[in-house]
PDB file of all heavy atoms in Angstrom:
ATOM      1  N   LEU A   1      46.941  12.844  -8.756  1.00  0.00           N
ATOM      2  CA  LEU A   1      47.359  13.030  -7.365  1.00  0.00           C
ATOM      3  C   LEU A   1      46.544  14.157  -6.744  1.00  0.00           C
ATOM      4  O   LEU A   1      46.547  15.294  -7.236  1.00  0.00           O
ATOM      5  CB  LEU A   1      48.856  13.368  -7.309  1.00  0.00           C
ATOM      6  CG  LEU A   1      49.522  13.273  -5.942  1.00  0.00           C
ATOM      7  CD1 LEU A   1      49.488  11.834  -5.431  1.00  0.00           C
ATOM      8  CD2 LEU A   1      50.960  13.768  -6.010  1.00  0.00           C
ATOM      9  N   THR A   2      45.852  13.838  -5.655  1.00  0.00           N
ATOM     10  CA  THR A   2      44.957  14.810  -5.020  1.00  0.00           C
ATOM     11  C   THR A   2      45.495  15.231  -3.655  1.00  0.00           C
ATOM     12  O   THR A   2      46.418  14.640  -3.106  1.00  0.00           O
ATOM     13  CB  THR A   2      43.560  14.201  -4.846  1.00  0.00           C
ATOM     14  OG1 THR A   2      43.649  13.111  -3.902  1.00  0.00           O
ATOM     15  CG2 THR A   2      43.025  13.666  -6.172  1.00  0.00           C
ATOM     16  N   ARG A   3      44.868  16.281  -3.107  1.00  0.00           N
ATOM     17  CA  ARG A   3      45.238  16.736  -1.762  1.00  0.00           C
ATOM     18  C   ARG A   3      45.000  15.630  -0.738  1.00  0.00           C
ATOM     19  O   ARG A   3      45.755  15.490   0.227  1.00  0.00           O
ATOM     20  CB  ARG A   3      44.436  17.985  -1.391  1.00  0.00           C
ATOM     21  CG  ARG A   3      44.762  18.550   0.003  1.00  0.00           C
ATOM     22  CD  ARG A   3      44.078  19.865   0.230  1.00  0.00           C
ATOM     23  NE  ARG A   3      44.586  20.900  -0.662  1.00  0.00           N
ATOM     24  CZ  ARG A   3      45.725  21.584  -0.449  1.00  0.00           C
ATOM     25  NH1 ARG A   3      46.446  21.324   0.626  1.00  0.00           N
ATOM     26  NH2 ARG A   3      46.107  22.504  -1.294  1.00  0.00           N
ATOM     27  N   ARG A   4      43.975  14.835  -0.960  1.00  0.00           N
ATOM     28  CA  ARG A   4      43.699  13.721  -0.043  1.00  0.00           C
ATOM     29  C   ARG A   4      44.877  12.746  -0.018  1.00  0.00           C
ATOM     30  O   ARG A   4      45.251  12.242   1.047  1.00  0.00           O
ATOM     31  CB  ARG A   4      42.415  13.006  -0.473  1.00  0.00           C
ATOM     32  CG  ARG A   4      42.051  11.797   0.404  1.00  0.00           C
ATOM     33  CD  ARG A   4      40.697  11.248  -0.010  1.00  0.00           C
ATOM     34  NE  ARG A   4      40.675  10.848  -1.419  1.00  0.00           N
ATOM     35  CZ  ARG A   4      41.132   9.676  -1.854  1.00  0.00           C
ATOM     36  NH1 ARG A   4      41.622   8.780  -1.005  1.00  0.00           N
ATOM     37  NH2 ARG A   4      41.068   9.387  -3.145  1.00  0.00           N
ATOM     38  N   HIS A   5      45.470  12.492  -1.175  1.00  0.00           N
ATOM     39  CA  HIS A   5      46.636  11.617  -1.231  1.00  0.00           C
ATOM     40  C   HIS A   5      47.807  12.209  -0.457  1.00  0.00           C
ATOM     41  O   HIS A   5      48.512  11.503   0.280  1.00  0.00           O
ATOM     42  CB  HIS A   5      47.064  11.398  -2.688  1.00  0.00           C
ATOM     43  CG  HIS A   5      46.102  10.592  -3.492  1.00  0.00           C
ATOM     44  ND1 HIS A   5      45.729  10.939  -4.774  1.00  0.00           N
ATOM     45  CD2 HIS A   5      45.401   9.457  -3.197  1.00  0.00           C
ATOM     46  CE1 HIS A   5      44.881  10.046  -5.240  1.00  0.00           C
ATOM     47  NE2 HIS A   5      44.651   9.147  -4.293  1.00  0.00           N
ATOM     48  N   LEU A   6      48.020  13.511  -0.612  1.00  0.00           N
ATOM     49  CA  LEU A   6      49.158  14.162   0.028  1.00  0.00           C
ATOM     50  C   LEU A   6      49.003  14.218   1.544  1.00  0.00           C
ATOM     51  O   LEU A   6      49.996  14.221   2.271  1.00  0.00           O
ATOM     52  CB  LEU A   6      49.338  15.578  -0.524  1.00  0.00           C
ATOM     53  CG  LEU A   6      49.580  15.694  -2.036  1.00  0.00           C
ATOM     54  CD1 LEU A   6      49.773  17.150  -2.434  1.00  0.00           C
ATOM     55  CD2 LEU A   6      50.782  14.860  -2.453  1.00  0.00           C
ATOM     56  N   GLU A   7      47.760  14.253   2.018  1.00  0.00           N
ATOM     57  CA  GLU A   7      47.511  14.375   3.458  1.00  0.00           C
ATOM     58  C   GLU A   7      47.337  13.026   4.136  1.00  0.00           C
ATOM     59  O   GLU A   7      47.309  12.954   5.375  1.00  0.00           O
ATOM     60  CB  GLU A   7      46.263  15.240   3.686  1.00  0.00           C
ATOM     61  CG  GLU A   7      46.466  16.694   3.265  1.00  0.00           C
ATOM     62  CD  GLU A   7      45.195  17.517   3.382  1.00  0.00           C
ATOM     63  OE1 GLU A   7      44.110  16.906   3.599  1.00  0.00           O
ATOM     64  OE2 GLU A   7      45.277  18.760   3.256  1.00  0.00           O
ATOM     65  N   SER A   8      47.212  11.961   3.349  1.00  0.00           N
ATOM     66  CA  SER A   8      47.039  10.622   3.916  1.00  0.00           C
ATOM     67  C   SER A   8      48.410  10.023   4.226  1.00  0.00           C
ATOM     68  O   SER A   8      49.216   9.765   3.324  1.00  0.00           O
ATOM     69  CB  SER A   8      46.281   9.736   2.918  1.00  0.00           C
ATOM     70  OG  SER A   8      46.128   8.430   3.422  1.00  0.00           O
ATOM     71  N   ASP A   9      48.686   9.783   5.495  1.00  0.00           N
ATOM     72  CA  ASP A   9      50.011   9.335   5.907  1.00  0.00           C
ATOM     73  C   ASP A   9      50.317   7.931   5.394  1.00  0.00           C
ATOM     74  O   ASP A   9      49.435   7.070   5.303  1.00  0.00           O
ATOM     75  CB  ASP A   9      50.117   9.351   7.438  1.00  0.00           C
ATOM     76  CG  ASP A   9      51.519   9.027   7.913  1.00  0.00           C
ATOM     77  OD1 ASP A   9      52.487   9.520   7.299  1.00  0.00           O
ATOM     78  OD2 ASP A   9      51.657   8.248   8.878  1.00  0.00           O
ATOM     79  N   GLY A  10      51.568   7.719   5.060  1.00  0.00           N
ATOM     80  CA  GLY A  10      52.034   6.411   4.606  1.00  0.00           C
ATOM     81  C   GLY A  10      53.553   6.397   4.605  1.00  0.00           C
ATOM     82  O   GLY A  10      54.200   7.452   4.701  1.00  0.00           O
ATOM     83  N   ARG A  11      54.138   5.218   4.483  1.00  0.00           N
ATOM     84  CA  ARG A  11      55.592   5.073   4.567  1.00  0.00           C
ATOM     85  C   ARG A  11      56.329   5.891   3.504  1.00  0.00           C
ATOM     86  O   ARG A  11      57.452   6.344   3.709  1.00  0.00           O
ATOM     87  CB  ARG A  11      55.991   3.600   4.438  1.00  0.00           C
ATOM     88  CG  ARG A  11      55.492   2.716   5.549  1.00  0.00           C
ATOM     89  CD  ARG A  11      55.695   1.245   5.228  1.00  0.00           C
ATOM     90  NE  ARG A  11      57.111   0.910   5.078  1.00  0.00           N
ATOM     91  CZ  ARG A  11      57.623   0.272   4.034  1.00  0.00           C
ATOM     92  NH1 ARG A  11      56.854  -0.063   3.008  1.00  0.00           N
ATOM     93  NH2 ARG A  11      58.907  -0.012   3.993  1.00  0.00           N
ATOM     94  N   PHE A  12      55.695   6.086   2.345  1.00  0.00           N
ATOM     95  CA  PHE A  12      56.344   6.790   1.249  1.00  0.00           C
ATOM     96  C   PHE A  12      55.816   8.215   1.064  1.00  0.00           C
ATOM     97  O   PHE A  12      56.158   8.865   0.087  1.00  0.00           O
ATOM     98  CB  PHE A  12      56.178   5.993  -0.053  1.00  0.00           C
ATOM     99  CG  PHE A  12      57.009   4.740  -0.087  1.00  0.00           C
ATOM    100  CD1 PHE A  12      56.519   3.552   0.434  1.00  0.00           C
ATOM    101  CD2 PHE A  12      58.292   4.753  -0.599  1.00  0.00           C
ATOM    102  CE1 PHE A  12      57.285   2.391   0.420  1.00  0.00           C
ATOM    103  CE2 PHE A  12      59.068   3.607  -0.616  1.00  0.00           C
ATOM    104  CZ  PHE A  12      58.565   2.416  -0.102  1.00  0.00           C
ATOM    105  N   ASN A  13      54.997   8.666   2.016  1.00  0.00           N
ATOM    106  CA  ASN A  13      54.461  10.020   1.899  1.00  0.00           C
ATOM    107  C   ASN A  13      55.456  11.017   2.485  1.00  0.00           C
ATOM    108  O   ASN A  13      55.530  11.208   3.701  1.00  0.00           O
ATOM    109  CB  ASN A  13      53.108  10.138   2.598  1.00  0.00           C
ATOM    110  CG  ASN A  13      52.416  11.451   2.261  1.00  0.00           C
ATOM    111  OD1 ASN A  13      53.057  12.438   1.904  1.00  0.00           O
ATOM    112  ND2 ASN A  13      51.097  11.459   2.357  1.00  0.00           N
ATOM    113  N   THR A  14      56.205  11.662   1.616  1.00  0.00           N
ATOM    114  CA  THR A  14      57.241  12.615   2.053  1.00  0.00           C
ATOM    115  C   THR A  14      56.647  13.982   2.372  1.00  0.00           C
ATOM    116  O   THR A  14      57.391  14.915   2.683  1.00  0.00           O
ATOM    117  CB  THR A  14      58.317  12.756   0.961  1.00  0.00           C
ATOM    118  OG1 THR A  14      57.676  13.036  -0.300  1.00  0.00           O
ATOM    119  CG2 THR A  14      59.144  11.488   0.847  1.00  0.00           C
ATOM    120  N   TYR A  15      55.308  14.097   2.294  1.00  0.00           N
ATOM    121  CA  TYR A  15      54.632  15.310   2.767  1.00  0.00           C
ATOM    122  C   TYR A  15      54.301  15.197   4.251  1.00  0.00           C
ATOM    123  O   TYR A  15      54.193  16.202   4.953  1.00  0.00           O
ATOM    124  CB  TYR A  15      53.341  15.558   1.975  1.00  0.00           C
ATOM    125  CG  TYR A  15      53.572  16.125   0.597  1.00  0.00           C
ATOM    126  CD1 TYR A  15      53.892  15.291  -0.464  1.00  0.00           C
ATOM    127  CD2 TYR A  15      53.474  17.497   0.347  1.00  0.00           C
ATOM    128  CE1 TYR A  15      54.107  15.796  -1.740  1.00  0.00           C
ATOM    129  CE2 TYR A  15      53.683  18.012  -0.926  1.00  0.00           C
ATOM    130  CZ  TYR A  15      54.005  17.158  -1.961  1.00  0.00           C
ATOM    131  OH  TYR A  15      54.225  17.670  -3.220  1.00  0.00           O
ATOM    132  N   THR A  16      54.097  13.957   4.721  1.00  0.00           N
ATOM    133  CA  THR A  16      53.723  13.765   6.127  1.00  0.00           C
ATOM    134  C   THR A  16      54.885  13.225   6.966  1.00  0.00           C
ATOM    135  O   THR A  16      54.820  13.266   8.191  1.00  0.00           O
ATOM    136  CB  THR A  16      52.548  12.777   6.235  1.00  0.00           C
ATOM    137  OG1 THR A  16      52.934  11.505   5.701  1.00  0.00           O
ATOM    138  CG2 THR A  16      51.329  13.299   5.483  1.00  0.00           C
ATOM    139  N   ARG A  17      55.928  12.711   6.311  1.00  0.00           N
ATOM    140  CA  ARG A  17      57.053  12.120   7.041  1.00  0.00           C
ATOM    141  C   ARG A  17      58.368  12.792   6.654  1.00  0.00           C
ATOM    142  O   ARG A  17      58.558  13.191   5.504  1.00  0.00           O
ATOM    143  CB  ARG A  17      57.141  10.619   6.785  1.00  0.00           C
ATOM    144  CG  ARG A  17      55.886   9.883   7.222  1.00  0.00           C
ATOM    145  CD  ARG A  17      56.109   8.411   7.383  1.00  0.00           C
ATOM    146  NE  ARG A  17      54.888   7.730   7.779  1.00  0.00           N
ATOM    147  CZ  ARG A  17      54.844   6.486   8.243  1.00  0.00           C
ATOM    148  NH1 ARG A  17      55.971   5.772   8.356  1.00  0.00           N
ATOM    149  NH2 ARG A  17      53.698   5.935   8.582  1.00  0.00           N
ATOM    150  N   GLU A  18      59.248  12.889   7.629  1.00  0.00           N
ATOM    151  CA  GLU A  18      60.532  13.538   7.397  1.00  0.00           C
ATOM    152  C   GLU A  18      61.548  12.553   6.821  1.00  0.00           C
ATOM    153  O   GLU A  18      61.419  11.343   6.968  1.00  0.00           O
ATOM    154  CB  GLU A  18      61.063  14.127   8.709  1.00  0.00           C
ATOM    155  CG  GLU A  18      60.170  15.210   9.292  1.00  0.00           C
ATOM    156  CD  GLU A  18      60.691  15.732  10.621  1.00  0.00           C
ATOM    157  OE1 GLU A  18      61.714  15.190  11.110  1.00  0.00           O
ATOM    158  OE2 GLU A  18      60.083  16.663  11.175  1.00  0.00           O
ATOM    159  N   GLY A  19      62.549  13.101   6.176  1.00  0.00           N
ATOM    160  CA  GLY A  19      63.649  12.292   5.682  1.00  0.00           C
ATOM    161  C   GLY A  19      63.316  11.552   4.396  1.00  0.00           C
ATOM    162  O   GLY A  19      62.310  11.805   3.729  1.00  0.00           O
ATOM    163  N   LEU A  20      64.174  10.610   4.064  1.00  0.00           N
ATOM    164  CA  LEU A  20      64.022   9.823   2.853  1.00  0.00           C
ATOM    165  C   LEU A  20      62.951   8.748   3.026  1.00  0.00           C
ATOM    166  O   LEU A  20      62.709   8.297   4.145  1.00  0.00           O
ATOM    167  CB  LEU A  20      65.350   9.149   2.502  1.00  0.00           C
ATOM    168  CG  LEU A  20      66.511  10.071   2.126  1.00  0.00           C
ATOM    169  CD1 LEU A  20      67.832   9.299   2.193  1.00  0.00           C
ATOM    170  CD2 LEU A  20      66.303  10.665   0.740  1.00  0.00           C
ATOM    171  N   PRO A  21      62.330   8.305   1.941  1.00  0.00           N
ATOM    172  CA  PRO A  21      61.427   7.145   2.036  1.00  0.00           C
ATOM    173  C   PRO A  21      62.230   5.899   2.418  1.00  0.00           C
ATOM    174  O   PRO A  21      63.467   5.902   2.341  1.00  0.00           O
ATOM    175  CB  PRO A  21      60.831   7.041   0.629  1.00  0.00           C
ATOM    176  CG  PRO A  21      61.760   7.795  -0.256  1.00  0.00           C
ATOM    177  CD  PRO A  21      62.374   8.862   0.574  1.00  0.00           C
ATOM    178  N   PRO A  22      61.574   4.828   2.825  1.00  0.00           N
ATOM    179  CA  PRO A  22      62.294   3.655   3.350  1.00  0.00           C
ATOM    180  C   PRO A  22      63.091   2.865   2.309  1.00  0.00           C
ATOM    181  O   PRO A  22      64.049   2.176   2.657  1.00  0.00           O
ATOM    182  CB  PRO A  22      61.178   2.789   3.951  1.00  0.00           C
ATOM    183  CG  PRO A  22      59.945   3.236   3.251  1.00  0.00           C
ATOM    184  CD  PRO A  22      60.115   4.683   2.973  1.00  0.00           C
ATOM    185  N   THR A  23      62.704   2.938   1.046  1.00  0.00           N
ATOM    186  CA  THR A  23      63.419   2.239  -0.030  1.00  0.00           C
ATOM    187  C   THR A  23      63.466   3.155  -1.243  1.00  0.00           C
ATOM    188  O   THR A  23      62.748   4.164  -1.306  1.00  0.00           O
ATOM    189  CB  THR A  23      62.719   0.921  -0.437  1.00  0.00           C
ATOM    190  OG1 THR A  23      61.546   1.242  -1.204  1.00  0.00           O
ATOM    191  CG2 THR A  23      62.352   0.077   0.764  1.00  0.00           C
ATOM    192  N   PRO A  24      64.288   2.821  -2.228  1.00  0.00           N
ATOM    193  CA  PRO A  24      64.193   3.549  -3.499  1.00  0.00           C
ATOM    194  C   PRO A  24      62.788   3.406  -4.081  1.00  0.00           C
ATOM    195  O   PRO A  24      62.048   2.484  -3.737  1.00  0.00           O
ATOM    196  CB  PRO A  24      65.234   2.846  -4.384  1.00  0.00           C
ATOM    197  CG  PRO A  24      66.198   2.214  -3.424  1.00  0.00           C
ATOM    198  CD  PRO A  24      65.367   1.802  -2.246  1.00  0.00           C
ATOM    199  N   ILE A  25      62.441   4.306  -4.983  1.00  0.00           N
ATOM    200  CA  ILE A  25      61.126   4.235  -5.628  1.00  0.00           C
ATOM    201  C   ILE A  25      61.263   3.879  -7.104  1.00  0.00           C
ATOM    202  O   ILE A  25      60.256   3.765  -7.804  1.00  0.00           O
ATOM    203  CB  ILE A  25      60.349   5.554  -5.476  1.00  0.00           C
ATOM    204  CG1 ILE A  25      61.092   6.701  -6.178  1.00  0.00           C
ATOM    205  CG2 ILE A  25      60.110   5.873  -4.008  1.00  0.00           C
ATOM    206  CD1 ILE A  25      60.270   7.983  -6.282  1.00  0.00           C
ATOM    207  N   ALA A  26      62.497   3.723  -7.575  1.00  0.00           N
ATOM    208  CA  ALA A  26      62.745   3.407  -8.986  1.00  0.00           C
ATOM    209  C   ALA A  26      64.206   3.015  -9.132  1.00  0.00           C
ATOM    210  O   ALA A  26      64.982   3.062  -8.164  1.00  0.00           O
ATOM    211  CB  ALA A  26      62.424   4.614  -9.870  1.00  0.00           C
ATOM    212  N   MET A  27      64.580   2.646 -10.343  1.00  0.00           N
ATOM    213  CA  MET A  27      65.969   2.289 -10.631  1.00  0.00           C
ATOM    214  C   MET A  27      66.679   3.491 -11.238  1.00  0.00           C
ATOM    215  O   MET A  27      66.416   3.855 -12.387  1.00  0.00           O
ATOM    216  CB  MET A  27      66.020   1.097 -11.588  1.00  0.00           C
ATOM    217  CG  MET A  27      65.360  -0.134 -11.000  1.00  0.00           C
ATOM    218  SD  MET A  27      65.235  -1.469 -12.183  1.00  0.00           S
ATOM    219  CE  MET A  27      63.872  -2.386 -11.449  1.00  0.00           C
ATOM    220  N   PRO A  28      67.572   4.119 -10.492  1.00  0.00           N
ATOM    221  CA  PRO A  28      68.272   5.294 -11.020  1.00  0.00           C
ATOM    222  C   PRO A  28      69.416   4.896 -11.933  1.00  0.00           C
ATOM    223  O   PRO A  28      70.078   3.879 -11.731  1.00  0.00           O
ATOM    224  CB  PRO A  28      68.799   5.970  -9.751  1.00  0.00           C
ATOM    225  CG  PRO A  28      69.001   4.846  -8.787  1.00  0.00           C
ATOM    226  CD  PRO A  28      67.914   3.843  -9.089  1.00  0.00           C
ATOM    227  N   GLY A  29      69.658   5.715 -12.951  1.00  0.00           N
ATOM    228  CA  GLY A  29      70.781   5.489 -13.844  1.00  0.00           C
ATOM    229  C   GLY A  29      72.051   6.126 -13.309  1.00  0.00           C
ATOM    230  O   GLY A  29      72.069   6.753 -12.242  1.00  0.00           O
ATOM    231  N   GLN A  30      73.127   5.992 -14.087  1.00  0.00           N
ATOM    232  CA  GLN A  30      74.428   6.513 -13.672  1.00  0.00           C
ATOM    233  C   GLN A  30      74.384   8.015 -13.439  1.00  0.00           C
ATOM    234  O   GLN A  30      74.969   8.522 -12.482  1.00  0.00           O
ATOM    235  CB  GLN A  30      75.478   6.179 -14.741  1.00  0.00           C
ATOM    236  CG  GLN A  30      76.904   6.549 -14.359  1.00  0.00           C
ATOM    237  CD  GLN A  30      77.432   5.712 -13.200  1.00  0.00           C
ATOM    238  OE1 GLN A  30      77.266   4.497 -13.181  1.00  0.00           O
ATOM    239  NE2 GLN A  30      78.049   6.358 -12.232  1.00  0.00           N
ATOM    240  N   ALA A  31      73.696   8.761 -14.302  1.00  0.00           N
ATOM    241  CA  ALA A  31      73.655  10.215 -14.177  1.00  0.00           C
ATOM    242  C   ALA A  31      72.956  10.644 -12.887  1.00  0.00           C
ATOM    243  O   ALA A  31      73.384  11.601 -12.229  1.00  0.00           O
ATOM    244  CB  ALA A  31      72.959  10.823 -15.391  1.00  0.00           C
ATOM    245  N   ALA A  32      71.877   9.955 -12.522  1.00  0.00           N
ATOM    246  CA  ALA A  32      71.173  10.290 -11.284  1.00  0.00           C
ATOM    247  C   ALA A  32      72.015   9.949 -10.066  1.00  0.00           C
ATOM    248  O   ALA A  32      72.010  10.680  -9.061  1.00  0.00           O
ATOM    249  CB  ALA A  32      69.830   9.566 -11.236  1.00  0.00           C
ATOM    250  N   LEU A  33      72.745   8.825 -10.127  1.00  0.00           N
ATOM    251  CA  LEU A  33      73.655   8.481  -9.023  1.00  0.00           C
ATOM    252  C   LEU A  33      74.706   9.561  -8.839  1.00  0.00           C
ATOM    253  O   LEU A  33      74.973  10.006  -7.716  1.00  0.00           O
ATOM    254  CB  LEU A  33      74.343   7.135  -9.311  1.00  0.00           C
ATOM    255  CG  LEU A  33      73.528   5.858  -9.124  1.00  0.00           C
ATOM    256  CD1 LEU A  33      74.332   4.660  -9.612  1.00  0.00           C
ATOM    257  CD2 LEU A  33      73.128   5.674  -7.665  1.00  0.00           C
ATOM    258  N   TYR A  34      75.290   9.992  -9.949  1.00  0.00           N
ATOM    259  CA  TYR A  34      76.348  11.006  -9.868  1.00  0.00           C
ATOM    260  C   TYR A  34      75.792  12.326  -9.339  1.00  0.00           C
ATOM    261  O   TYR A  34      76.385  12.954  -8.447  1.00  0.00           O
ATOM    262  CB  TYR A  34      76.979  11.223 -11.244  1.00  0.00           C
ATOM    263  CG  TYR A  34      78.133  12.200 -11.207  1.00  0.00           C
ATOM    264  CD1 TYR A  34      79.425  11.780 -10.901  1.00  0.00           C
ATOM    265  CD2 TYR A  34      77.926  13.561 -11.441  1.00  0.00           C
ATOM    266  CE1 TYR A  34      80.483  12.675 -10.829  1.00  0.00           C
ATOM    267  CE2 TYR A  34      78.968  14.463 -11.378  1.00  0.00           C
ATOM    268  CZ  TYR A  34      80.243  14.021 -11.078  1.00  0.00           C
ATOM    269  OH  TYR A  34      81.281  14.920 -10.999  1.00  0.00           O
ATOM    270  N   ALA A  35      74.655  12.769  -9.880  1.00  0.00           N
ATOM    271  CA  ALA A  35      74.073  14.046  -9.461  1.00  0.00           C
ATOM    272  C   ALA A  35      73.728  14.039  -7.976  1.00  0.00           C
ATOM    273  O   ALA A  35      73.914  15.042  -7.275  1.00  0.00           O
ATOM    274  CB  ALA A  35      72.834  14.352 -10.294  1.00  0.00           C
ATOM    275  N   SER A  36      73.240  12.922  -7.474  1.00  0.00           N
ATOM    276  CA  SER A  36      72.838  12.833  -6.067  1.00  0.00           C
ATOM    277  C   SER A  36      74.027  12.910  -5.125  1.00  0.00           C
ATOM    278  O   SER A  36      73.908  13.390  -3.994  1.00  0.00           O
ATOM    279  CB  SER A  36      72.067  11.524  -5.835  1.00  0.00           C
ATOM    280  OG  SER A  36      70.918  11.483  -6.643  1.00  0.00           O
ATOM    281  N   LEU A  37      75.177  12.443  -5.579  1.00  0.00           N
ATOM    282  CA  LEU A  37      76.372  12.459  -4.739  1.00  0.00           C
ATOM    283  C   LEU A  37      77.321  13.600  -5.096  1.00  0.00           C
ATOM    284  O   LEU A  37      78.351  13.788  -4.442  1.00  0.00           O
ATOM    285  CB  LEU A  37      77.092  11.114  -4.842  1.00  0.00           C
ATOM    286  CG  LEU A  37      76.292   9.965  -4.212  1.00  0.00           C
ATOM    287  CD1 LEU A  37      76.899   8.612  -4.564  1.00  0.00           C
ATOM    288  CD2 LEU A  37      76.215  10.134  -2.696  1.00  0.00           C
ATOM    289  N   HIS A  38      76.947  14.373  -6.137  1.00  0.00           N
ATOM    290  CA  HIS A  38      77.681  15.586  -6.503  1.00  0.00           C
ATOM    291  C   HIS A  38      76.667  16.671  -6.864  1.00  0.00           C
ATOM    292  O   HIS A  38      76.646  17.170  -7.996  1.00  0.00           O
ATOM    293  CB  HIS A  38      78.623  15.334  -7.683  1.00  0.00           C
ATOM    294  CG  HIS A  38      79.679  14.312  -7.406  1.00  0.00           C
ATOM    295  ND1 HIS A  38      79.464  12.961  -7.552  1.00  0.00           N
ATOM    296  CD2 HIS A  38      80.960  14.460  -6.969  1.00  0.00           C
ATOM    297  CE1 HIS A  38      80.568  12.314  -7.239  1.00  0.00           C
ATOM    298  NE2 HIS A  38      81.482  13.191  -6.867  1.00  0.00           N
ATOM    299  N   PRO A  39      75.797  17.055  -5.921  1.00  0.00           N
ATOM    300  CA  PRO A  39      74.754  18.033  -6.251  1.00  0.00           C
ATOM    301  C   PRO A  39      75.355  19.411  -6.522  1.00  0.00           C
ATOM    302  O   PRO A  39      76.456  19.727  -6.055  1.00  0.00           O
ATOM    303  CB  PRO A  39      73.896  18.045  -4.984  1.00  0.00           C
ATOM    304  CG  PRO A  39      74.844  17.657  -3.886  1.00  0.00           C
ATOM    305  CD  PRO A  39      75.771  16.653  -4.501  1.00  0.00           C
ATOM    306  N   ALA A  40      74.614  20.200  -7.275  1.00  0.00           N
ATOM    307  CA  ALA A  40      75.026  21.589  -7.477  1.00  0.00           C
ATOM    308  C   ALA A  40      74.940  22.326  -6.148  1.00  0.00           C
ATOM    309  O   ALA A  40      74.162  21.975  -5.263  1.00  0.00           O
ATOM    310  CB  ALA A  40      74.125  22.240  -8.519  1.00  0.00           C
ATOM    311  N   THR A  41      75.754  23.354  -5.989  1.00  0.00           N
ATOM    312  CA  THR A  41      75.698  24.204  -4.797  1.00  0.00           C
ATOM    313  C   THR A  41      74.734  25.341  -5.092  1.00  0.00           C
ATOM    314  O   THR A  41      75.040  26.256  -5.873  1.00  0.00           O
ATOM    315  CB  THR A  41      77.084  24.750  -4.440  1.00  0.00           C
ATOM    316  OG1 THR A  41      77.974  23.648  -4.212  1.00  0.00           O
ATOM    317  CG2 THR A  41      77.010  25.611  -3.193  1.00  0.00           C
ATOM    318  N   THR A  42      73.544  25.289  -4.512  1.00  0.00           N
ATOM    319  CA  THR A  42      72.513  26.297  -4.765  1.00  0.00           C
ATOM    320  C   THR A  42      71.802  26.638  -3.462  1.00  0.00           C
ATOM    321  O   THR A  42      71.878  25.877  -2.489  1.00  0.00           O
ATOM    322  CB  THR A  42      71.444  25.780  -5.764  1.00  0.00           C
ATOM    323  OG1 THR A  42      70.579  24.863  -5.084  1.00  0.00           O
ATOM    324  CG2 THR A  42      72.088  25.097  -6.965  1.00  0.00           C
TER     325      THR A  42
END
């Protein structure tokens, strides 16, 4: 992954676009689902 990749705009480039990407990028397991909806307070 290079700086050129990070600066090149695209639908999944979270460096150039705000918010979440348009779709999931992988299949999350139960632990990731739970952590995302019960994040630590930090």
